[in-house]
Protein backbone atom coordinates (compact mmCIF):
# COMPACT_ATOMS: atom_id res chain seq x y z
CA MET A 1 -108.20 61.20 -194.83
CA ALA A 2 -110.85 60.01 -197.49
CA ARG A 3 -109.50 58.01 -200.54
CA ILE A 4 -111.40 60.25 -203.12
CA VAL A 5 -111.68 63.83 -202.91
CA GLY A 6 -114.81 65.32 -204.77
CA VAL A 7 -114.98 68.77 -206.13
CA HIS A 8 -118.20 70.40 -207.46
CA GLY A 9 -118.21 73.00 -210.28
CA VAL A 10 -120.31 76.31 -210.43
CA GLY A 11 -123.82 77.39 -209.12
CA LYS A 12 -123.27 75.48 -205.55
CA GLN A 13 -122.78 78.70 -203.28
CA ARG A 14 -125.96 78.01 -201.22
CA LEU A 15 -125.15 74.37 -200.74
CA GLY A 16 -122.29 72.81 -198.86
CA GLY A 17 -120.06 69.41 -198.43
CA ASN A 18 -122.50 67.89 -196.55
CA THR A 19 -125.14 68.35 -199.23
CA LEU A 20 -123.42 67.90 -202.20
CA LEU A 21 -121.90 64.43 -200.87
CA LYS A 22 -125.94 63.11 -200.40
CA ASP A 23 -125.94 63.41 -204.44
CA TRP A 24 -122.40 62.61 -205.04
CA GLN A 25 -121.87 59.41 -202.81
CA PRO A 26 -124.71 57.10 -204.31
CA ALA A 27 -123.88 58.17 -207.88
CA LEU A 28 -120.26 57.21 -207.56
CA ALA A 29 -121.01 54.14 -205.99
CA ASP A 30 -123.23 53.59 -208.70
CA GLY A 31 -120.53 54.02 -211.07
CA LEU A 32 -118.57 51.94 -209.45
CA ASP A 33 -121.17 49.33 -209.43
CA ARG A 34 -121.66 49.30 -213.47
CA ALA A 35 -117.76 49.52 -213.65
CA GLY A 36 -117.29 46.01 -211.56
CA GLY A 37 -115.13 48.20 -209.01
CA PRO A 38 -114.84 48.31 -205.10
CA GLY A 39 -117.41 49.08 -202.98
CA LEU A 40 -118.06 52.53 -201.62
CA ALA A 41 -117.34 52.72 -197.79
CA ALA A 42 -118.66 55.70 -195.98
CA ASN A 43 -115.68 57.98 -195.20
CA ASP A 44 -114.22 56.90 -198.88
CA LEU A 45 -115.58 60.02 -200.07
CA HIS A 46 -115.07 63.55 -199.07
CA MET A 47 -116.25 66.99 -200.69
CA ALA A 48 -113.74 69.61 -201.09
CA PHE A 49 -116.29 72.41 -201.03
CA TYR A 50 -115.49 76.45 -201.93
CA GLY A 51 -119.02 77.41 -203.33
CA ASP A 52 -119.22 79.79 -200.31
CA LEU A 53 -116.99 81.82 -201.72
CA PHE A 54 -119.45 82.98 -204.43
CA ARG A 55 -121.98 83.22 -202.09
CA PRO A 56 -123.17 87.33 -201.73
CA PRO A 57 -123.73 88.64 -197.91
CA GLY A 58 -126.80 88.96 -196.68
CA ASN A 59 -128.57 91.84 -196.70
CA THR A 60 -131.86 92.89 -194.70
CA LEU A 61 -135.34 91.55 -196.87
CA ALA A 62 -132.64 90.06 -199.63
CA VAL A 63 -133.37 86.48 -200.77
CA GLY A 64 -130.95 84.23 -203.03
CA ASP A 65 -128.24 85.45 -205.85
CA PRO A 66 -128.42 89.19 -206.85
CA MET A 67 -130.96 90.16 -209.77
CA PHE A 68 -128.51 89.58 -212.75
CA THR A 69 -129.77 90.60 -215.99
CA ALA A 70 -128.37 90.90 -219.27
CA ASP A 71 -126.81 94.49 -218.37
CA ASP A 72 -124.62 93.00 -216.07
CA VAL A 73 -122.16 90.96 -218.10
CA ASP A 74 -119.39 92.64 -218.11
CA GLU A 75 -117.22 93.13 -221.27
CA GLY A 76 -114.27 90.89 -222.19
CA PHE A 77 -114.09 88.16 -220.42
CA GLU A 78 -117.49 87.18 -219.60
CA ALA A 79 -118.94 88.38 -222.56
CA GLU A 80 -116.43 86.05 -224.51
CA LEU A 81 -117.56 82.91 -222.50
CA LEU A 82 -120.96 83.63 -222.99
CA LEU A 83 -120.48 83.59 -226.72
CA GLU A 84 -118.25 80.41 -226.42
CA TRP A 85 -121.41 78.54 -224.90
CA TRP A 86 -123.57 80.04 -227.86
CA GLU A 87 -121.31 78.56 -230.30
CA ALA A 88 -121.15 75.56 -228.67
CA CYS A 89 -124.80 75.56 -227.92
CA ALA A 90 -124.92 75.54 -231.94
CA ARG A 91 -122.61 72.75 -232.33
CA THR A 92 -124.86 70.28 -230.67
CA ASP A 93 -128.43 71.80 -230.73
CA PRO A 94 -130.07 72.21 -233.83
CA ALA A 95 -132.51 74.50 -232.53
CA VAL A 96 -130.00 76.85 -231.88
CA PRO A 97 -128.82 79.01 -234.62
CA PRO A 98 -124.86 79.98 -235.06
CA PRO A 99 -123.74 83.19 -234.07
CA GLY A 100 -124.15 85.78 -236.78
CA ALA A 101 -121.61 88.53 -237.85
CA ASP A 102 -122.88 90.83 -234.74
CA THR A 103 -121.23 88.87 -232.58
CA LEU A 104 -117.77 89.42 -234.05
CA ALA A 105 -118.38 92.93 -232.33
CA ARG A 106 -118.97 91.58 -229.24
CA SER A 107 -121.50 94.23 -228.18
CA PRO A 108 -124.12 94.68 -225.88
CA ARG A 109 -126.71 93.50 -228.39
CA ALA A 110 -124.71 90.25 -229.09
CA VAL A 111 -124.90 89.70 -225.13
CA GLN A 112 -128.59 90.17 -224.97
CA THR A 113 -129.26 88.20 -227.93
CA ALA A 114 -126.39 85.39 -226.68
CA LEU A 115 -128.72 84.88 -223.37
CA ARG A 116 -131.98 84.87 -225.29
CA VAL A 117 -131.08 82.19 -227.81
CA LEU A 118 -129.04 80.21 -224.45
CA GLN A 119 -132.51 79.98 -222.50
CA ASN A 120 -134.42 78.90 -225.00
CA SER A 121 -131.89 76.00 -225.84
CA ARG A 122 -132.31 72.55 -224.43
CA TYR A 123 -129.08 72.48 -222.21
CA PHE A 124 -129.57 75.93 -220.76
CA ALA A 125 -133.48 76.07 -220.47
CA GLU A 126 -133.89 74.97 -217.12
CA LEU A 127 -131.08 77.95 -216.22
CA SER A 128 -132.78 80.88 -214.88
CA LEU A 129 -131.06 84.41 -216.85
CA ARG A 130 -129.54 85.44 -213.83
CA ALA A 131 -128.22 82.17 -212.80
CA LEU A 132 -126.77 81.65 -215.87
CA VAL A 133 -125.23 85.18 -215.34
CA PHE A 134 -123.89 84.24 -211.86
CA ASP A 135 -122.12 81.20 -213.35
CA LEU A 136 -120.38 83.38 -216.24
CA LYS A 137 -119.14 85.95 -213.15
CA GLN A 138 -117.98 82.82 -210.98
CA VAL A 139 -116.04 81.24 -213.72
CA ARG A 140 -114.24 84.96 -214.41
CA ARG A 141 -114.10 85.68 -210.45
CA TYR A 142 -111.91 82.04 -210.15
CA LEU A 143 -109.42 83.09 -212.96
CA THR A 144 -109.35 86.81 -212.15
CA ASP A 145 -109.23 87.37 -208.59
CA GLY A 146 -106.14 86.33 -207.04
CA GLU A 147 -107.32 85.99 -203.38
CA LEU A 148 -110.50 83.99 -204.04
CA ARG A 149 -108.40 81.61 -206.36
CA GLU A 150 -105.97 80.70 -203.56
CA THR A 151 -108.81 80.36 -200.69
CA ALA A 152 -110.68 77.74 -203.51
CA ARG A 153 -107.54 75.92 -204.24
CA GLY A 154 -106.25 76.33 -201.02
CA ARG A 155 -109.55 73.89 -199.77
CA VAL A 156 -108.91 71.26 -202.25
CA GLU A 157 -105.24 71.20 -201.49
CA ALA A 158 -106.01 70.20 -197.76
CA ALA A 159 -108.61 67.47 -198.32
CA ILE A 160 -106.19 65.93 -200.30
CA GLY A 161 -104.24 63.59 -197.57
CA PRO A 162 -101.58 61.02 -197.72
CA ASP A 163 -104.00 58.29 -198.35
CA THR A 164 -106.28 60.00 -201.12
CA ARG A 165 -105.78 58.13 -204.20
CA VAL A 166 -108.58 59.78 -206.93
CA VAL A 167 -109.63 63.43 -206.91
CA VAL A 168 -113.32 63.55 -208.96
CA ALA A 169 -113.59 67.02 -209.98
CA HIS A 170 -116.61 68.53 -212.20
CA SER A 171 -117.06 71.91 -214.75
CA LEU A 172 -114.84 74.75 -212.94
CA GLY A 173 -114.23 72.43 -210.18
CA SER A 174 -111.67 70.65 -212.59
CA VAL A 175 -109.89 73.73 -212.76
CA VAL A 176 -109.64 74.24 -209.00
CA ALA A 177 -108.41 70.35 -208.80
CA TYR A 178 -106.02 70.59 -211.67
CA GLU A 179 -104.36 73.40 -210.19
CA ALA A 180 -104.35 72.13 -206.35
CA LEU A 181 -102.51 68.85 -208.09
CA CYS A 182 -100.15 70.75 -210.11
CA ALA A 183 -99.47 72.83 -207.04
CA ARG A 184 -98.70 69.88 -204.87
CA ALA A 185 -97.45 67.52 -207.51
CA SER A 186 -93.82 66.64 -205.86
CA ASP A 187 -95.67 65.55 -202.73
CA HIS A 188 -99.09 64.40 -203.32
CA ARG A 189 -100.21 60.49 -203.63
CA VAL A 190 -102.99 60.82 -205.72
CA ARG A 191 -102.99 58.42 -208.44
CA ALA A 192 -106.02 59.48 -210.72
CA LEU A 193 -107.36 62.47 -211.59
CA VAL A 194 -111.00 61.88 -213.05
CA THR A 195 -112.46 65.25 -214.93
CA LEU A 196 -116.02 65.48 -215.47
CA GLY A 197 -117.66 68.36 -218.14
CA SER A 198 -114.18 69.85 -218.06
CA PRO A 199 -113.65 73.22 -219.62
CA LEU A 200 -109.88 73.21 -219.16
CA GLY A 201 -109.54 72.96 -223.11
CA MET A 202 -111.08 76.16 -223.52
CA ARG A 203 -108.31 78.72 -224.49
CA MET A 204 -109.43 81.35 -222.65
CA VAL A 205 -109.23 79.07 -219.47
CA PHE A 206 -106.20 77.36 -220.20
CA ASP A 207 -104.04 80.37 -220.77
CA ARG A 208 -104.92 81.45 -217.35
CA LEU A 209 -104.39 78.59 -215.90
CA ARG A 210 -101.71 78.32 -212.79
CA PRO A 211 -98.56 77.86 -212.36
CA GLU A 212 -98.28 76.83 -215.69
CA PRO A 213 -101.05 76.00 -218.90
CA GLY A 214 -100.07 72.23 -219.75
CA ALA A 215 -98.08 70.94 -216.61
CA TRP A 216 -98.75 67.61 -215.83
CA PRO A 217 -100.30 67.12 -212.21
CA GLY A 218 -99.20 64.12 -211.25
CA GLY A 219 -95.64 62.20 -210.69
CA ASP A 220 -94.95 58.77 -212.40
CA GLY A 221 -97.82 56.13 -212.95
CA PHE A 222 -100.44 59.49 -212.05
CA ARG A 223 -103.62 58.70 -214.66
CA TRP A 224 -105.90 61.85 -215.71
CA THR A 225 -109.05 60.54 -217.35
CA ASN A 226 -111.29 62.82 -219.10
CA VAL A 227 -114.92 62.35 -219.23
CA VAL A 228 -117.51 64.20 -221.34
CA ASP A 229 -120.44 64.25 -223.37
CA GLU A 230 -120.82 65.52 -226.70
CA GLY A 231 -123.71 67.50 -225.96
CA ASP A 232 -121.84 69.38 -222.87
CA VAL A 233 -121.24 72.62 -223.91
CA VAL A 234 -119.26 73.81 -220.77
CA ALA A 235 -116.87 71.16 -222.14
CA ALA A 236 -116.83 73.15 -225.18
CA VAL A 237 -113.33 71.35 -226.19
CA LYS A 238 -113.59 67.88 -225.68
CA ASP A 239 -110.26 66.27 -225.89
CA LEU A 240 -107.98 67.60 -223.65
CA SER A 241 -105.05 65.63 -225.34
CA LEU A 242 -104.36 67.98 -227.52
CA LEU A 243 -103.27 70.29 -224.79
CA PHE A 244 -102.15 68.57 -221.96
CA GLY A 245 -100.50 65.84 -223.79
CA THR A 246 -101.18 62.27 -224.53
CA GLU A 247 -101.59 60.65 -221.39
CA VAL A 248 -104.92 62.21 -220.81
CA THR A 249 -107.56 59.27 -221.56
CA GLY A 250 -110.66 60.95 -223.10
CA LYS A 251 -113.83 59.30 -222.41
CA VAL A 252 -117.12 60.28 -224.30
CA VAL A 253 -120.68 59.15 -222.47
CA HIS A 254 -124.53 60.13 -223.18
CA ASN A 255 -126.13 62.05 -220.00
CA GLY A 256 -129.04 62.68 -222.16
CA SER A 257 -131.10 65.90 -221.76
CA HIS A 258 -128.83 66.51 -218.61
CA ALA A 259 -125.36 66.60 -220.29
CA HIS A 260 -123.96 68.74 -217.85
CA ASP A 261 -125.27 67.13 -214.77
CA ALA A 262 -122.59 65.95 -212.14
CA THR A 263 -124.71 63.02 -211.01
CA SER A 264 -125.22 61.73 -214.91
CA TYR A 265 -121.65 61.97 -215.10
CA LEU A 266 -120.84 60.06 -211.76
CA THR A 267 -123.28 57.22 -212.44
CA ALA A 268 -121.65 56.82 -215.73
CA LYS A 269 -119.57 52.89 -215.89
CA GLU A 270 -116.34 55.01 -217.90
CA THR A 271 -116.35 57.75 -214.75
CA GLY A 272 -116.77 54.41 -212.27
CA ARG A 273 -113.77 52.41 -214.21
CA ALA A 274 -111.14 54.96 -213.92
CA VAL A 275 -112.12 55.77 -210.25
CA ALA A 276 -111.51 51.98 -209.67
CA GLU A 277 -108.31 51.98 -211.35
CA GLY A 278 -107.13 54.61 -209.27
CA LEU A 279 -108.00 52.96 -206.03
CA ALA A 280 -106.39 49.39 -206.93
């Protein structure tokens, strides 16, 4: 089994583990180089892929993701998460106005306004409306669809073998990886969890964690490093130690205009150092 297991984030439903490795492998190798860590052998990194669970079934003459619009944002979790992203964008992007009083009602108008504002922000500017809504739905489905959640988590658990020492997880993948490690906390031999751009600190995510919010995902000597960019809207809560304990080490990096990009996180010296410590 691989010494390092990677767990991807949202929006990868049309890709696959091998496809993602083409980006993750050299990016992580660069991060290790910058940290003065060991070289990355061809079989050191394995991708635990679950994105296909969100891929819509094929239909005649249908291409790509469903053509979602603002009307497809469900009340409750999806609308709340959208508004959380808006608030986080306003804190980091001077061009984004903060939510007004109408957002308190969580009305359809507020959802439409939030989508319009986010698409004009530097963070979400390259994301189409349907992709943004689809990402909302992926987060909601993982946290509320028990069968999908169990299958996704099972894939990560299966990828973690007796030789696995580090799990590197990005975005929603950090939630899947955290739960998988907690489920196997008594028998896995992973030494380090490295989370990148993680939404684990958001209360609407934290409160829904299984088996229980705040559990420690490893045994004695287990290290958890959370790497975050200040402008990363998905990682709205930067300091995970507030919820998971002071043993979580927080590192701030600067990814430029692609604050949430996985490869930008992977090439960071801070990420490479955290991975190297787990491999040592």
